[in-house]
Amino acid sequence: MTVRPLLAVALAAVLVPSAASAQARRSAPAQRATPVADALSVGGWLGYEMGDADGFELRVDGELPFQQLTPQIKLSLVGSIGYTFGGWDAPGVDVSVDRLKIVPAARFTLPVNPQLSLFGDAGIGLHYTSVSFDYPQFGGLDFDDSELGLMLRFAAGAFFQVNPQVRVGGQIVLDPMFGDYDDTTFAIMAGAMFRL
């Protein structure tokens, strides 16, 4: 009588851990297959902008992955702040342009392989343009004006994954701007994004 209950307890002690271990082995691949959530990335871009006033552009971006639209295409939200200093010379006047751009955009990313991915941006934002007119022939007479207006952004580029935290890339950017100082600029930029 006392042998059977002891035998049942001993058998349960052997079988329960074995079953739990087998269950853990079966569920481990599923856990490894679950993708790790992407994190916020920040980075900077430097490039040359061409338009009515040609000049250099410096930009800071923040990128937050938002949704996997298809198995291949990922949607991210991007916020950028850019500054451009440019200008042009005309007979009798030197013109300098300072422009601040604040643009939220949607970024669509398509991985080509684990290291290389292509992306496209589309966004709408604001530009603040300040223009200075200098007339050297009139004793250095200056005239300044500024304006706030709407703008669009269309960009296409590529990233190369250097390591899990760092991507380097390049892009071409088209920025149509509206208002008193309307312009459509085209920029070629290079930069890097760092995952936080």
C-alpha atoms as a PDB file:
ATOM      1  CA  MET A   1       0.000   0.000   0.000  1.00  0.00           C
ATOM      2  CA  THR A   2       2.710   2.453   0.905  1.00  0.00           C
ATOM      3  CA  VAL A   3       4.899   1.506  -2.078  1.00  0.00           C
ATOM      4  CA  ARG A   4       2.405   2.571  -4.744  1.00  0.00           C
ATOM      5  CA  PRO A   5       1.931   6.180  -3.531  1.00  0.00           C
ATOM      6  CA  LEU A   6       5.720   6.549  -3.169  1.00  0.00           C
ATOM      7  CA  LEU A   7       6.216   5.138  -6.659  1.00  0.00           C
ATOM      8  CA  ALA A   8       3.589   7.540  -8.083  1.00  0.00           C
ATOM      9  CA  VAL A   9       5.271  10.534  -6.399  1.00  0.00           C
ATOM     10  CA  ALA A  10       8.715   9.481  -7.695  1.00  0.00           C
ATOM     11  CA  LEU A  11       7.338   8.986 -11.218  1.00  0.00           C
ATOM     12  CA  ALA A  12       5.627  12.407 -11.138  1.00  0.00           C
ATOM     13  CA  ALA A  13       8.857  14.030  -9.925  1.00  0.00           C
ATOM     14  CA  VAL A  14      10.697  12.603 -12.948  1.00  0.00           C
ATOM     15  CA  LEU A  15       8.026  13.223 -15.589  1.00  0.00           C
ATOM     16  CA  VAL A  16       6.879  16.773 -14.704  1.00  0.00           C
ATOM     17  CA  PRO A  17      10.324  18.438 -15.053  1.00  0.00           C
ATOM     18  CA  SER A  18      10.913  16.484 -18.296  1.00  0.00           C
ATOM     19  CA  ALA A  19       7.597  17.671 -19.725  1.00  0.00           C
ATOM     20  CA  ALA A  20       8.296  21.257 -18.665  1.00  0.00           C
ATOM     21  CA  SER A  21      11.755  21.095 -20.239  1.00  0.00           C
ATOM     22  CA  ALA A  22      10.337  19.744 -23.516  1.00  0.00           C
ATOM     23  CA  GLN A  23       7.697  22.467 -23.547  1.00  0.00           C
ATOM     24  CA  ALA A  24      10.370  25.117 -23.000  1.00  0.00           C
ATOM     25  CA  ARG A  25      12.425  23.686 -25.904  1.00  0.00           C
ATOM     26  CA  ARG A  26       9.362  23.765 -28.199  1.00  0.00           C
ATOM     27  CA  SER A  27       8.520  27.393 -27.296  1.00  0.00           C
ATOM     28  CA  ALA A  28      12.128  28.694 -27.491  1.00  0.00           C
ATOM     29  CA  PRO A  29      12.242  29.003 -31.320  1.00  0.00           C
ATOM     30  CA  ALA A  30       8.971  30.948 -31.277  1.00  0.00           C
ATOM     31  CA  GLN A  31      10.428  33.366 -28.750  1.00  0.00           C
ATOM     32  CA  ARG A  32      13.560  33.854 -30.832  1.00  0.00           C
ATOM     33  CA  ALA A  33      11.459  34.507 -33.938  1.00  0.00           C
ATOM     34  CA  THR A  34       9.590  37.386 -32.279  1.00  0.00           C
ATOM     35  CA  PRO A  35      11.230  40.612 -33.539  1.00  0.00           C
ATOM     36  CA  VAL A  36      12.715  42.985 -31.019  1.00  0.00           C
ATOM     37  CA  ALA A  37      10.884  46.332 -30.992  1.00  0.00           C
ATOM     38  CA  ASP A  38      12.761  49.054 -32.853  1.00  0.00           C
ATOM     39  CA  ALA A  39      13.953  52.054 -30.896  1.00  0.00           C
ATOM     40  CA  LEU A  40      14.237  55.775 -31.546  1.00  0.00           C
ATOM     41  CA  SER A  41      17.152  56.846 -33.747  1.00  0.00           C
ATOM     42  CA  VAL A  42      18.677  60.308 -33.984  1.00  0.00           C
ATOM     43  CA  GLY A  43      21.197  61.582 -36.471  1.00  0.00           C
ATOM     44  CA  GLY A  44      22.548  64.378 -38.578  1.00  0.00           C
ATOM     45  CA  TRP A  45      22.875  65.221 -42.262  1.00  0.00           C
ATOM     46  CA  LEU A  46      25.137  67.606 -44.158  1.00  0.00           C
ATOM     47  CA  GLY A  47      24.636  68.552 -47.781  1.00  0.00           C
ATOM     48  CA  TYR A  48      24.520  71.106 -50.533  1.00  0.00           C
ATOM     49  CA  GLU A  49      21.213  72.734 -51.447  1.00  0.00           C
ATOM     50  CA  MET A  50      20.453  74.251 -54.846  1.00  0.00           C
ATOM     51  CA  GLY A  51      17.627  76.647 -55.662  1.00  0.00           C
ATOM     52  CA  ASP A  52      17.223  80.398 -55.993  1.00  0.00           C
ATOM     53  CA  ALA A  53      19.951  80.637 -53.355  1.00  0.00           C
ATOM     54  CA  ASP A  54      22.591  77.877 -53.337  1.00  0.00           C
ATOM     55  CA  GLY A  55      24.252  76.956 -50.070  1.00  0.00           C
ATOM     56  CA  PHE A  56      25.020  74.391 -47.397  1.00  0.00           C
ATOM     57  CA  GLU A  57      22.367  72.645 -45.369  1.00  0.00           C
ATOM     58  CA  LEU A  58      22.700  71.069 -41.929  1.00  0.00           C
ATOM     59  CA  ARG A  59      19.862  68.907 -40.609  1.00  0.00           C
ATOM     60  CA  VAL A  60      19.038  66.898 -37.459  1.00  0.00           C
ATOM     61  CA  ASP A  61      16.546  64.016 -37.686  1.00  0.00           C
ATOM     62  CA  GLY A  62      14.702  61.868 -35.182  1.00  0.00           C
ATOM     63  CA  GLU A  63      13.208  58.615 -36.507  1.00  0.00           C
ATOM     64  CA  LEU A  64      10.683  56.455 -34.650  1.00  0.00           C
ATOM     65  CA  PRO A  65       9.540  53.136 -36.197  1.00  0.00           C
ATOM     66  CA  PHE A  66       5.742  53.107 -36.285  1.00  0.00           C
ATOM     67  CA  GLN A  67       4.294  50.131 -38.167  1.00  0.00           C
ATOM     68  CA  GLN A  68       5.215  47.235 -40.419  1.00  0.00           C
ATOM     69  CA  LEU A  69       2.975  47.916 -43.433  1.00  0.00           C
ATOM     70  CA  THR A  70       3.924  44.743 -45.323  1.00  0.00           C
ATOM     71  CA  PRO A  71       6.526  42.027 -44.684  1.00  0.00           C
ATOM     72  CA  GLN A  72       8.935  44.163 -46.742  1.00  0.00           C
ATOM     73  CA  ILE A  73       7.949  47.810 -46.053  1.00  0.00           C
ATOM     74  CA  LYS A  74       8.220  49.546 -42.684  1.00  0.00           C
ATOM     75  CA  LEU A  75       6.656  52.927 -41.850  1.00  0.00           C
ATOM     76  CA  SER A  76       8.535  55.294 -39.533  1.00  0.00           C
ATOM     77  CA  LEU A  77       7.749  58.788 -38.279  1.00  0.00           C
ATOM     78  CA  VAL A  78      10.516  61.320 -38.853  1.00  0.00           C
ATOM     79  CA  GLY A  79      10.912  64.808 -37.425  1.00  0.00           C
ATOM     80  CA  SER A  80      13.631  67.067 -38.813  1.00  0.00           C
ATOM     81  CA  ILE A  81      15.032  70.523 -38.154  1.00  0.00           C
ATOM     82  CA  GLY A  82      17.273  71.936 -40.865  1.00  0.00           C
ATOM     83  CA  TYR A  83      19.212  75.138 -41.424  1.00  0.00           C
ATOM     84  CA  THR A  84      20.447  76.442 -44.769  1.00  0.00           C
ATOM     85  CA  PHE A  85      22.795  79.336 -45.435  1.00  0.00           C
ATOM     86  CA  GLY A  86      23.002  80.410 -49.060  1.00  0.00           C
ATOM     87  CA  GLY A  87      22.902  83.367 -51.355  1.00  0.00           C
ATOM     88  CA  TRP A  88      23.657  84.821 -54.737  1.00  0.00           C
ATOM     89  CA  ASP A  89      25.320  87.845 -56.282  1.00  0.00           C
ATOM     90  CA  ALA A  90      23.529  90.166 -58.688  1.00  0.00           C
ATOM     91  CA  PRO A  91      24.723  93.425 -60.294  1.00  0.00           C
ATOM     92  CA  GLY A  92      25.031  95.953 -57.493  1.00  0.00           C
ATOM     93  CA  VAL A  93      23.631  93.745 -54.722  1.00  0.00           C
ATOM     94  CA  ASP A  94      24.735  90.794 -52.586  1.00  0.00           C
ATOM     95  CA  VAL A  95      21.890  88.604 -51.332  1.00  0.00           C
ATOM     96  CA  SER A  96      22.211  86.183 -48.420  1.00  0.00           C
ATOM     97  CA  VAL A  97      19.495  83.745 -47.367  1.00  0.00           C
ATOM     98  CA  ASP A  98      19.085  82.051 -43.983  1.00  0.00           C
ATOM     99  CA  ARG A  99      16.392  79.390 -43.875  1.00  0.00           C
ATOM    100  CA  LEU A 100      15.072  77.251 -41.025  1.00  0.00           C
ATOM    101  CA  LYS A 101      12.960  74.195 -41.917  1.00  0.00           C
ATOM    102  CA  ILE A 102      10.841  72.138 -39.514  1.00  0.00           C
ATOM    103  CA  VAL A 103       9.303  69.107 -41.213  1.00  0.00           C
ATOM    104  CA  PRO A 104       7.477  66.031 -39.857  1.00  0.00           C
ATOM    105  CA  ALA A 105       7.436  63.265 -42.453  1.00  0.00           C
ATOM    106  CA  ALA A 106       6.576  59.637 -43.078  1.00  0.00           C
ATOM    107  CA  ARG A 107       9.492  57.360 -44.002  1.00  0.00           C
ATOM    108  CA  PHE A 108       8.930  54.142 -45.951  1.00  0.00           C
ATOM    109  CA  THR A 109      11.867  51.717 -45.669  1.00  0.00           C
ATOM    110  CA  LEU A 110      12.491  48.700 -47.890  1.00  0.00           C
ATOM    111  CA  PRO A 111      15.361  46.371 -46.859  1.00  0.00           C
ATOM    112  CA  VAL A 112      17.414  45.031 -49.779  1.00  0.00           C
ATOM    113  CA  ASN A 113      19.553  42.792 -47.560  1.00  0.00           C
ATOM    114  CA  PRO A 114      20.502  42.820 -43.842  1.00  0.00           C
ATOM    115  CA  GLN A 115      22.985  45.670 -44.396  1.00  0.00           C
ATOM    116  CA  LEU A 116      21.366  47.791 -47.147  1.00  0.00           C
ATOM    117  CA  SER A 117      17.944  49.435 -47.128  1.00  0.00           C
ATOM    118  CA  LEU A 118      16.221  51.976 -49.369  1.00  0.00           C
ATOM    119  CA  PHE A 119      13.859  54.648 -48.097  1.00  0.00           C
ATOM    120  CA  GLY A 120      11.520  57.381 -49.263  1.00  0.00           C
ATOM    121  CA  ASP A 121      10.199  60.366 -47.277  1.00  0.00           C
ATOM    122  CA  ALA A 122       7.062  62.459 -47.738  1.00  0.00           C
ATOM    123  CA  GLY A 123       6.162  65.298 -45.401  1.00  0.00           C
ATOM    124  CA  ILE A 124       4.709  68.746 -44.883  1.00  0.00           C
ATOM    125  CA  GLY A 125       6.123  71.439 -42.619  1.00  0.00           C
ATOM    126  CA  LEU A 126       7.165  75.061 -42.201  1.00  0.00           C
ATOM    127  CA  HIS A 127      10.059  77.183 -43.409  1.00  0.00           C
ATOM    128  CA  TYR A 128      11.233  80.493 -41.970  1.00  0.00           C
ATOM    129  CA  THR A 129      13.248  82.403 -44.563  1.00  0.00           C
ATOM    130  CA  SER A 130      15.280  85.523 -43.832  1.00  0.00           C
ATOM    131  CA  VAL A 131      16.754  87.430 -46.761  1.00  0.00           C
ATOM    132  CA  SER A 132      19.375  90.188 -46.519  1.00  0.00           C
ATOM    133  CA  PHE A 133      20.125  92.568 -49.401  1.00  0.00           C
ATOM    134  CA  ASP A 134      23.465  94.397 -49.258  1.00  0.00           C
ATOM    135  CA  TYR A 135      24.167  97.283 -51.666  1.00  0.00           C
ATOM    136  CA  PRO A 136      27.919  97.968 -51.481  1.00  0.00           C
ATOM    137  CA  GLN A 137      27.792 100.739 -54.079  1.00  0.00           C
ATOM    138  CA  PHE A 138      25.479 102.728 -51.805  1.00  0.00           C
ATOM    139  CA  GLY A 139      27.801 102.777 -48.826  1.00  0.00           C
ATOM    140  CA  GLY A 140      26.843  99.359 -47.512  1.00  0.00           C
ATOM    141  CA  LEU A 141      23.097  99.991 -47.411  1.00  0.00           C
ATOM    142  CA  ASP A 142      21.287  96.927 -46.039  1.00  0.00           C
ATOM    143  CA  PHE A 143      17.721  95.721 -46.281  1.00  0.00           C
ATOM    144  CA  ASP A 144      16.397  92.659 -44.413  1.00  0.00           C
ATOM    145  CA  ASP A 145      13.114  90.816 -44.714  1.00  0.00           C
ATOM    146  CA  SER A 146      11.738  87.510 -43.431  1.00  0.00           C
ATOM    147  CA  GLU A 147       8.694  85.314 -43.885  1.00  0.00           C
ATOM    148  CA  LEU A 148       7.085  82.113 -42.561  1.00  0.00           C
ATOM    149  CA  GLY A 149       5.549  79.706 -45.066  1.00  0.00           C
ATOM    150  CA  LEU A 150       4.472  76.153 -45.769  1.00  0.00           C
ATOM    151  CA  MET A 151       6.680  73.578 -47.449  1.00  0.00           C
ATOM    152  CA  LEU A 152       6.617  69.992 -48.685  1.00  0.00           C
ATOM    153  CA  ARG A 153       9.356  67.373 -48.568  1.00  0.00           C
ATOM    154  CA  PHE A 154      10.069  64.491 -50.921  1.00  0.00           C
ATOM    155  CA  ALA A 155      13.257  62.453 -50.446  1.00  0.00           C
ATOM    156  CA  ALA A 156      14.799  59.189 -51.546  1.00  0.00           C
ATOM    157  CA  GLY A 157      17.906  57.544 -50.176  1.00  0.00           C
ATOM    158  CA  ALA A 158      19.697  54.508 -48.819  1.00  0.00           C
ATOM    159  CA  PHE A 159      21.145  53.364 -45.498  1.00  0.00           C
ATOM    160  CA  PHE A 160      24.031  51.003 -44.828  1.00  0.00           C
ATOM    161  CA  GLN A 161      23.924  49.266 -41.423  1.00  0.00           C
ATOM    162  CA  VAL A 162      27.450  49.565 -39.985  1.00  0.00           C
ATOM    163  CA  ASN A 163      26.491  47.826 -36.719  1.00  0.00           C
ATOM    164  CA  PRO A 164      23.231  47.352 -34.742  1.00  0.00           C
ATOM    165  CA  GLN A 165      23.395  50.947 -33.485  1.00  0.00           C
ATOM    166  CA  VAL A 166      24.756  52.918 -36.464  1.00  0.00           C
ATOM    167  CA  ARG A 167      23.524  53.488 -40.036  1.00  0.00           C
ATOM    168  CA  VAL A 168      25.238  55.710 -42.585  1.00  0.00           C
ATOM    169  CA  GLY A 169      23.445  56.927 -45.658  1.00  0.00           C
ATOM    170  CA  GLY A 170      22.821  59.366 -48.432  1.00  0.00           C
ATOM    171  CA  GLN A 171      19.728  60.990 -49.871  1.00  0.00           C
ATOM    172  CA  ILE A 172      18.403  63.407 -52.452  1.00  0.00           C
ATOM    173  CA  VAL A 173      15.774  65.869 -51.233  1.00  0.00           C
ATOM    174  CA  LEU A 174      13.225  68.020 -53.042  1.00  0.00           C
ATOM    175  CA  ASP A 175      11.662  70.797 -50.925  1.00  0.00           C
ATOM    176  CA  PRO A 176       8.935  72.901 -52.610  1.00  0.00           C
ATOM    177  CA  MET A 177       8.327  76.022 -50.473  1.00  0.00           C
ATOM    178  CA  PHE A 178       5.448  78.480 -50.599  1.00  0.00           C
ATOM    179  CA  GLY A 179       4.866  82.072 -49.485  1.00  0.00           C
ATOM    180  CA  ASP A 180       6.533  85.394 -50.288  1.00  0.00           C
ATOM    181  CA  TYR A 181       9.884  83.605 -50.589  1.00  0.00           C
ATOM    182  CA  ASP A 182       8.679  80.606 -52.545  1.00  0.00           C
ATOM    183  CA  ASP A 183      11.383  78.352 -53.895  1.00  0.00           C
ATOM    184  CA  THR A 184      11.902  74.726 -54.819  1.00  0.00           C
ATOM    185  CA  THR A 185      15.250  73.453 -53.605  1.00  0.00           C
ATOM    186  CA  PHE A 186      17.118  70.284 -54.455  1.00  0.00           C
ATOM    187  CA  ALA A 187      19.719  68.924 -52.018  1.00  0.00           C
ATOM    188  CA  ILE A 188      22.225  66.088 -51.939  1.00  0.00           C
ATOM    189  CA  MET A 189      23.007  65.001 -48.378  1.00  0.00           C
ATOM    190  CA  ALA A 190      25.085  62.470 -46.450  1.00  0.00           C
ATOM    191  CA  GLY A 191      24.738  61.544 -42.801  1.00  0.00           C
ATOM    192  CA  ALA A 192      24.370  58.962 -40.073  1.00  0.00           C
ATOM    193  CA  MET A 193      21.651  57.747 -37.714  1.00  0.00           C
ATOM    194  CA  PHE A 194      22.325  56.383 -34.221  1.00  0.00           C
ATOM    195  CA  ARG A 195      19.928  54.028 -32.456  1.00  0.00           C
ATOM    196  CA  LEU A 196      19.298  54.962 -28.823  1.00  0.00           C
END
